[in-house]
């Protein structure tokens, strides 16, 4: 199962949610596909909620414009 590191590329403040450049989460997925574009990015959104307590979907930042994805393992 591949491990991906997702990092915020730029700060954003939208809909009462603030994300900062450099915030990072790691997710393990069942597929080799980009976790941001797979299944609506739910595993990524869940990881940000679990680690930082923020709703990255509500902030409108659950896209490759704001997130950098690197396959770690």
C-alpha atoms as a PDB file:
ATOM      1  CA  UNK A   1       0.000   0.000   0.000  1.00  0.00           C
ATOM      2  CA  UNK A   2       1.568   3.297  -1.094  1.00  0.00           C
ATOM      3  CA  UNK A   3       2.184   6.187   1.276  1.00  0.00           C
ATOM      4  CA  UNK A   4       1.639   9.743   0.058  1.00  0.00           C
ATOM      5  CA  UNK A   5       2.695  13.033   1.664  1.00  0.00           C
ATOM      6  CA  UNK A   6       0.358  15.934   0.882  1.00  0.00           C
ATOM      7  CA  UNK A   7       1.677  19.447   1.593  1.00  0.00           C
ATOM      8  CA  UNK A   8      -0.068  22.818   1.289  1.00  0.00           C
ATOM      9  CA  UNK A   9       1.690  24.963  -1.365  1.00  0.00           C
ATOM     10  CA  UNK A  10       0.237  28.367  -0.421  1.00  0.00           C
ATOM     11  CA  UNK A  11      -1.677  29.893   2.462  1.00  0.00           C
ATOM     12  CA  UNK A  12      -5.385  30.508   2.040  1.00  0.00           C
ATOM     13  CA  UNK A  13      -8.187  31.935   4.160  1.00  0.00           C
ATOM     14  CA  UNK A  14     -11.659  31.042   2.876  1.00  0.00           C
ATOM     15  CA  UNK A  15     -15.069  30.332   4.428  1.00  0.00           C
ATOM     16  CA  UNK A  16     -13.649  30.847   7.907  1.00  0.00           C
ATOM     17  CA  UNK A  17     -10.954  28.205   7.412  1.00  0.00           C
ATOM     18  CA  UNK A  18      -7.265  29.120   7.341  1.00  0.00           C
ATOM     19  CA  UNK A  19      -4.641  26.845   5.852  1.00  0.00           C
ATOM     20  CA  UNK A  20      -0.935  27.656   6.032  1.00  0.00           C
ATOM     21  CA  UNK A  21       1.823  26.900   3.560  1.00  0.00           C
ATOM     22  CA  UNK A  22       3.788  23.873   4.748  1.00  0.00           C
ATOM     23  CA  UNK A  23       0.941  22.063   6.534  1.00  0.00           C
ATOM     24  CA  UNK A  24       1.457  18.406   5.707  1.00  0.00           C
ATOM     25  CA  UNK A  25      -0.313  15.071   6.162  1.00  0.00           C
ATOM     26  CA  UNK A  26       0.533  11.524   5.190  1.00  0.00           C
ATOM     27  CA  UNK A  27      -2.053   9.063   3.913  1.00  0.00           C
ATOM     28  CA  UNK A  28      -1.929   5.385   3.009  1.00  0.00           C
ATOM     29  CA  UNK A  29      -4.130   4.373   0.085  1.00  0.00           C
ATOM     30  CA  UNK A  30      -5.280   1.173  -1.559  1.00  0.00           C
ATOM     31  CA  UNK A  31      -4.446   2.434  -5.049  1.00  0.00           C
ATOM     32  CA  UNK A  32      -1.433   3.937  -6.760  1.00  0.00           C
ATOM     33  CA  UNK A  33      -3.510   6.940  -7.889  1.00  0.00           C
ATOM     34  CA  UNK A  34      -3.223  10.486  -6.590  1.00  0.00           C
ATOM     35  CA  UNK A  35      -5.258  10.575  -3.323  1.00  0.00           C
ATOM     36  CA  UNK A  36      -6.371  14.183  -3.928  1.00  0.00           C
ATOM     37  CA  UNK A  37      -8.202  13.231  -7.120  1.00  0.00           C
ATOM     38  CA  UNK A  38      -9.309   9.739  -6.048  1.00  0.00           C
ATOM     39  CA  UNK A  39     -12.710   9.345  -4.348  1.00  0.00           C
ATOM     40  CA  UNK A  40     -13.146  13.111  -4.083  1.00  0.00           C
ATOM     41  CA  UNK A  41     -10.011  13.394  -1.960  1.00  0.00           C
ATOM     42  CA  UNK A  42     -11.851  12.099   1.108  1.00  0.00           C
ATOM     43  CA  UNK A  43      -8.813  10.403   2.673  1.00  0.00           C
ATOM     44  CA  UNK A  44      -6.879  13.675   2.386  1.00  0.00           C
ATOM     45  CA  UNK A  45      -9.760  15.709   3.850  1.00  0.00           C
ATOM     46  CA  UNK A  46     -10.061  13.221   6.722  1.00  0.00           C
ATOM     47  CA  UNK A  47      -6.321  13.433   7.423  1.00  0.00           C
ATOM     48  CA  UNK A  48      -6.384  17.248   7.598  1.00  0.00           C
ATOM     49  CA  UNK A  49      -9.411  17.108   9.903  1.00  0.00           C
ATOM     50  CA  UNK A  50      -7.760  14.510  12.133  1.00  0.00           C
ATOM     51  CA  UNK A  51      -4.385  16.268  12.369  1.00  0.00           C
ATOM     52  CA  UNK A  52      -5.257  19.975  12.237  1.00  0.00           C
ATOM     53  CA  UNK A  53      -9.005  20.077  12.905  1.00  0.00           C
ATOM     54  CA  UNK A  54      -9.659  21.942   9.654  1.00  0.00           C
ATOM     55  CA  UNK A  55     -12.080  21.200   6.834  1.00  0.00           C
ATOM     56  CA  UNK A  56      -9.937  21.577   3.740  1.00  0.00           C
ATOM     57  CA  UNK A  57     -12.973  20.961   1.501  1.00  0.00           C
ATOM     58  CA  UNK A  58     -14.816  23.879   3.102  1.00  0.00           C
ATOM     59  CA  UNK A  59     -11.756  26.056   2.480  1.00  0.00           C
ATOM     60  CA  UNK A  60     -11.927  25.124  -1.207  1.00  0.00           C
ATOM     61  CA  UNK A  61      -8.326  23.943  -1.108  1.00  0.00           C
ATOM     62  CA  UNK A  62      -8.768  20.259  -1.899  1.00  0.00           C
ATOM     63  CA  UNK A  63      -7.130  20.527  -5.325  1.00  0.00           C
ATOM     64  CA  UNK A  64      -3.733  20.273  -6.925  1.00  0.00           C
ATOM     65  CA  UNK A  65      -3.631  24.086  -7.133  1.00  0.00           C
ATOM     66  CA  UNK A  66      -3.136  24.248  -3.354  1.00  0.00           C
ATOM     67  CA  UNK A  67      -1.688  20.809  -2.595  1.00  0.00           C
ATOM     68  CA  UNK A  68       1.550  19.090  -3.540  1.00  0.00           C
ATOM     69  CA  UNK A  69       1.461  15.284  -3.585  1.00  0.00           C
ATOM     70  CA  UNK A  70       4.586  13.148  -3.252  1.00  0.00           C
ATOM     71  CA  UNK A  71       4.650   9.354  -3.180  1.00  0.00           C
ATOM     72  CA  UNK A  72       6.826   8.325  -0.227  1.00  0.00           C
ATOM     73  CA  UNK A  73       6.565   4.557  -0.208  1.00  0.00           C
END
